[in-house]
Amino acid sequence: MTSISSQKAQSVHYPEQTVKRAEQALRCLPFQLTLYKVMRSTSVSLLAIATQKGIEQGYTKRSLSELAAERDLMWLIQVGVLRREVDGQGITDSFRLTPLGRQLVEKWASQGESLPPPSLWDRITHAWNRWWRLPI
């Protein structure tokens, strides 16, 4: 098992494969570290991430349709990095980091202002996992 330490919370132990897949998903998707940093403290709505707004706020590398953005965010939920925000009415269109996601983002935020680029092998493995829907 792999342990990722968080300065604010106690260390939570995740299987190494889970951490590896989560890191890979975060690096392979078109989202920037800025988005994940914001999600550490507050929820971010789908409308703030999709289309040109996502680029303007530094959340995405390229303009994404709402459908594409939601599809990628839903994948991050399956991988265990994000969760959907819930209010008194039910599920909203906003997303937040899970403890696993928060730990990974804190690690990368302390190392610089961007996510490490994925290797070709990371991209191939990530595409394979998404095709077969293998979140963990």
C-alpha atoms as a PDB file:
ATOM      1  CA  MET A   1       0.000   0.000   0.000  1.00  0.00           C
ATOM      2  CA  THR A   2       1.062   3.549  -0.649  1.00  0.00           C
ATOM      3  CA  SER A   3       0.754   6.296   1.907  1.00  0.00           C
ATOM      4  CA  ILE A   4       0.388   9.900   0.867  1.00  0.00           C
ATOM      5  CA  SER A   5       0.908  12.360   3.692  1.00  0.00           C
ATOM      6  CA  SER A   6      -1.227  15.444   4.040  1.00  0.00           C
ATOM      7  CA  GLN A   7      -0.145  18.356   6.203  1.00  0.00           C
ATOM      8  CA  LYS A   8      -3.667  19.098   7.420  1.00  0.00           C
ATOM      9  CA  ALA A   9      -5.032  15.579   7.795  1.00  0.00           C
ATOM     10  CA  GLN A  10      -3.746  12.271   8.980  1.00  0.00           C
ATOM     11  CA  SER A  11      -2.144  10.017   6.430  1.00  0.00           C
ATOM     12  CA  VAL A  12      -4.598   7.774   4.604  1.00  0.00           C
ATOM     13  CA  HIS A  13      -3.303   4.567   3.068  1.00  0.00           C
ATOM     14  CA  TYR A  14      -4.404   3.731  -0.467  1.00  0.00           C
ATOM     15  CA  PRO A  15      -3.328   0.737  -2.546  1.00  0.00           C
ATOM     16  CA  GLU A  16      -0.409   1.647  -4.802  1.00  0.00           C
ATOM     17  CA  GLN A  17      -2.428   0.775  -7.913  1.00  0.00           C
ATOM     18  CA  THR A  18      -5.212   3.175  -6.841  1.00  0.00           C
ATOM     19  CA  VAL A  19      -2.764   6.035  -6.320  1.00  0.00           C
ATOM     20  CA  LYS A  20      -1.007   5.316  -9.610  1.00  0.00           C
ATOM     21  CA  ARG A  21      -4.271   5.248 -11.569  1.00  0.00           C
ATOM     22  CA  ALA A  22      -5.487   8.455  -9.894  1.00  0.00           C
ATOM     23  CA  GLU A  23      -2.218  10.262 -10.670  1.00  0.00           C
ATOM     24  CA  GLN A  24      -2.364   9.041 -14.239  1.00  0.00           C
ATOM     25  CA  ALA A  25      -5.951  10.210 -14.705  1.00  0.00           C
ATOM     26  CA  LEU A  26      -5.196  13.667 -13.296  1.00  0.00           C
ATOM     27  CA  ARG A  27      -2.205  14.086 -15.612  1.00  0.00           C
ATOM     28  CA  CYS A  28      -3.844  12.703 -18.777  1.00  0.00           C
ATOM     29  CA  LEU A  29      -7.042  14.728 -18.694  1.00  0.00           C
ATOM     30  CA  PRO A  30      -7.225  18.289 -20.099  1.00  0.00           C
ATOM     31  CA  PHE A  31      -7.528  19.978 -16.694  1.00  0.00           C
ATOM     32  CA  GLN A  32      -4.881  22.228 -15.147  1.00  0.00           C
ATOM     33  CA  LEU A  33      -3.496  22.113 -11.604  1.00  0.00           C
ATOM     34  CA  THR A  34      -5.256  25.462 -10.991  1.00  0.00           C
ATOM     35  CA  LEU A  35      -8.655  23.757 -11.172  1.00  0.00           C
ATOM     36  CA  TYR A  36      -7.660  21.085  -8.691  1.00  0.00           C
ATOM     37  CA  LYS A  37      -6.186  23.686  -6.322  1.00  0.00           C
ATOM     38  CA  VAL A  38      -9.493  25.574  -6.312  1.00  0.00           C
ATOM     39  CA  MET A  39     -11.371  22.318  -5.716  1.00  0.00           C
ATOM     40  CA  ARG A  40      -9.353  21.755  -2.525  1.00  0.00           C
ATOM     41  CA  SER A  41     -11.299  24.471  -0.740  1.00  0.00           C
ATOM     42  CA  THR A  42     -14.514  24.954  -2.696  1.00  0.00           C
ATOM     43  CA  SER A  43     -16.718  23.259  -5.244  1.00  0.00           C
ATOM     44  CA  VAL A  44     -16.464  24.281  -8.887  1.00  0.00           C
ATOM     45  CA  SER A  45     -19.457  24.151 -11.207  1.00  0.00           C
ATOM     46  CA  LEU A  46     -19.411  22.439 -14.565  1.00  0.00           C
ATOM     47  CA  LEU A  47     -20.279  25.746 -16.257  1.00  0.00           C
ATOM     48  CA  ALA A  48     -17.104  27.330 -14.860  1.00  0.00           C
ATOM     49  CA  ILE A  49     -15.000  24.526 -16.343  1.00  0.00           C
ATOM     50  CA  ALA A  50     -16.616  24.005 -19.757  1.00  0.00           C
ATOM     51  CA  THR A  51     -16.287  26.154 -22.889  1.00  0.00           C
ATOM     52  CA  GLN A  52     -14.073  29.236 -23.069  1.00  0.00           C
ATOM     53  CA  LYS A  53     -14.636  30.001 -19.365  1.00  0.00           C
ATOM     54  CA  GLY A  54     -12.430  27.068 -18.414  1.00  0.00           C
ATOM     55  CA  ILE A  55      -9.512  28.438 -20.408  1.00  0.00           C
ATOM     56  CA  GLU A  56     -10.022  31.998 -19.135  1.00  0.00           C
ATOM     57  CA  GLN A  57      -9.902  30.831 -15.510  1.00  0.00           C
ATOM     58  CA  GLY A  58      -6.913  28.572 -16.131  1.00  0.00           C
ATOM     59  CA  TYR A  59      -8.920  25.412 -15.440  1.00  0.00           C
ATOM     60  CA  THR A  60      -8.448  23.661 -18.797  1.00  0.00           C
ATOM     61  CA  LYS A  61      -5.786  23.326 -21.467  1.00  0.00           C
ATOM     62  CA  ARG A  62      -8.337  23.713 -24.270  1.00  0.00           C
ATOM     63  CA  SER A  63     -11.989  24.574 -24.673  1.00  0.00           C
ATOM     64  CA  LEU A  64     -14.246  21.653 -23.724  1.00  0.00           C
ATOM     65  CA  SER A  65     -17.928  21.198 -24.395  1.00  0.00           C
ATOM     66  CA  GLU A  66     -20.100  20.679 -21.343  1.00  0.00           C
ATOM     67  CA  LEU A  67     -20.558  17.039 -22.334  1.00  0.00           C
ATOM     68  CA  ALA A  68     -16.803  16.418 -22.702  1.00  0.00           C
ATOM     69  CA  ALA A  69     -16.000  18.206 -19.440  1.00  0.00           C
ATOM     70  CA  GLU A  70     -18.665  16.273 -17.549  1.00  0.00           C
ATOM     71  CA  ARG A  71     -17.498  12.974 -19.043  1.00  0.00           C
ATOM     72  CA  ASP A  72     -13.928  13.625 -17.850  1.00  0.00           C
ATOM     73  CA  LEU A  73     -15.086  14.804 -14.421  1.00  0.00           C
ATOM     74  CA  MET A  74     -17.259  11.707 -14.048  1.00  0.00           C
ATOM     75  CA  TRP A  75     -14.218   9.570 -14.843  1.00  0.00           C
ATOM     76  CA  LEU A  76     -12.337  11.305 -12.031  1.00  0.00           C
ATOM     77  CA  ILE A  77     -15.230  10.397  -9.727  1.00  0.00           C
ATOM     78  CA  GLN A  78     -14.903   6.736 -10.729  1.00  0.00           C
ATOM     79  CA  VAL A  79     -11.155   6.859 -10.152  1.00  0.00           C
ATOM     80  CA  GLY A  80     -11.749   8.300  -6.681  1.00  0.00           C
ATOM     81  CA  VAL A  81     -10.308  11.795  -7.098  1.00  0.00           C
ATOM     82  CA  LEU A  82     -13.514  13.861  -7.235  1.00  0.00           C
ATOM     83  CA  ARG A  83     -16.992  13.792  -5.780  1.00  0.00           C
ATOM     84  CA  ARG A  84     -20.152  15.600  -6.777  1.00  0.00           C
ATOM     85  CA  GLU A  85     -21.347  18.340  -4.477  1.00  0.00           C
ATOM     86  CA  VAL A  86     -24.701  17.779  -2.781  1.00  0.00           C
ATOM     87  CA  ASP A  87     -27.049  20.437  -1.438  1.00  0.00           C
ATOM     88  CA  GLY A  88     -30.481  20.313   0.220  1.00  0.00           C
ATOM     89  CA  GLN A  89     -32.109  19.620  -3.138  1.00  0.00           C
ATOM     90  CA  GLY A  90     -29.823  16.761  -4.120  1.00  0.00           C
ATOM     91  CA  ILE A  91     -26.832  16.407  -6.436  1.00  0.00           C
ATOM     92  CA  THR A  92     -25.572  19.642  -8.021  1.00  0.00           C
ATOM     93  CA  ASP A  93     -23.461  20.365 -11.101  1.00  0.00           C
ATOM     94  CA  SER A  94     -20.444  21.173  -8.906  1.00  0.00           C
ATOM     95  CA  PHE A  95     -17.403  19.044  -8.078  1.00  0.00           C
ATOM     96  CA  ARG A  96     -14.879  18.834  -5.188  1.00  0.00           C
ATOM     97  CA  LEU A  97     -11.778  16.816  -4.423  1.00  0.00           C
ATOM     98  CA  THR A  98     -11.916  13.655  -2.332  1.00  0.00           C
ATOM     99  CA  PRO A  99      -9.228  13.036   0.319  1.00  0.00           C
ATOM    100  CA  LEU A 100      -7.187  11.092  -2.277  1.00  0.00           C
ATOM    101  CA  GLY A 101      -7.476  13.937  -4.775  1.00  0.00           C
ATOM    102  CA  ARG A 102      -6.586  16.511  -2.132  1.00  0.00           C
ATOM    103  CA  GLN A 103      -3.444  14.606  -1.163  1.00  0.00           C
ATOM    104  CA  LEU A 104      -2.267  14.290  -4.769  1.00  0.00           C
ATOM    105  CA  VAL A 105      -2.916  17.966  -5.487  1.00  0.00           C
ATOM    106  CA  GLU A 106      -1.089  19.053  -2.324  1.00  0.00           C
ATOM    107  CA  LYS A 107       1.896  16.951  -3.371  1.00  0.00           C
ATOM    108  CA  TRP A 108       2.005  18.490  -6.861  1.00  0.00           C
ATOM    109  CA  ALA A 109       1.226  22.034  -5.671  1.00  0.00           C
ATOM    110  CA  SER A 110       4.306  21.899  -3.453  1.00  0.00           C
ATOM    111  CA  GLN A 111       6.420  20.829  -6.452  1.00  0.00           C
ATOM    112  CA  GLY A 112       5.380  23.554  -8.887  1.00  0.00           C
ATOM    113  CA  GLU A 113       2.593  25.314 -10.720  1.00  0.00           C
ATOM    114  CA  SER A 114       1.699  22.568 -13.182  1.00  0.00           C
ATOM    115  CA  LEU A 115       1.012  18.866 -13.292  1.00  0.00           C
ATOM    116  CA  PRO A 116       3.827  16.578 -14.411  1.00  0.00           C
ATOM    117  CA  PRO A 117       3.294  15.707 -18.071  1.00  0.00           C
ATOM    118  CA  PRO A 118       2.109  12.161 -18.795  1.00  0.00           C
ATOM    119  CA  SER A 119       4.373   9.816 -20.699  1.00  0.00           C
ATOM    120  CA  LEU A 120       3.229   8.042 -23.847  1.00  0.00           C
ATOM    121  CA  TRP A 121       2.831   4.876 -21.765  1.00  0.00           C
ATOM    122  CA  ASP A 122       0.655   6.794 -19.263  1.00  0.00           C
ATOM    123  CA  ARG A 123      -1.593   7.970 -22.085  1.00  0.00           C
ATOM    124  CA  ILE A 124      -1.917   4.464 -23.542  1.00  0.00           C
ATOM    125  CA  THR A 125      -2.650   2.904 -20.134  1.00  0.00           C
ATOM    126  CA  HIS A 126      -5.117   5.663 -19.264  1.00  0.00           C
ATOM    127  CA  ALA A 127      -6.961   5.189 -22.581  1.00  0.00           C
ATOM    128  CA  TRP A 128      -7.052   1.416 -21.957  1.00  0.00           C
ATOM    129  CA  ASN A 129      -8.446   1.884 -18.445  1.00  0.00           C
ATOM    130  CA  ARG A 130     -11.137   4.267 -19.664  1.00  0.00           C
ATOM    131  CA  TRP A 131     -12.063   2.002 -22.556  1.00  0.00           C
ATOM    132  CA  TRP A 132     -12.536  -0.952 -20.229  1.00  0.00           C
ATOM    133  CA  ARG A 133     -13.866   1.321 -17.445  1.00  0.00           C
ATOM    134  CA  LEU A 134     -11.312   0.127 -14.898  1.00  0.00           C
ATOM    135  CA  PRO A 135     -11.378   2.784 -12.170  1.00  0.00           C
ATOM    136  CA  ILE A 136      -9.410   0.903  -9.471  1.00  0.00           C
END
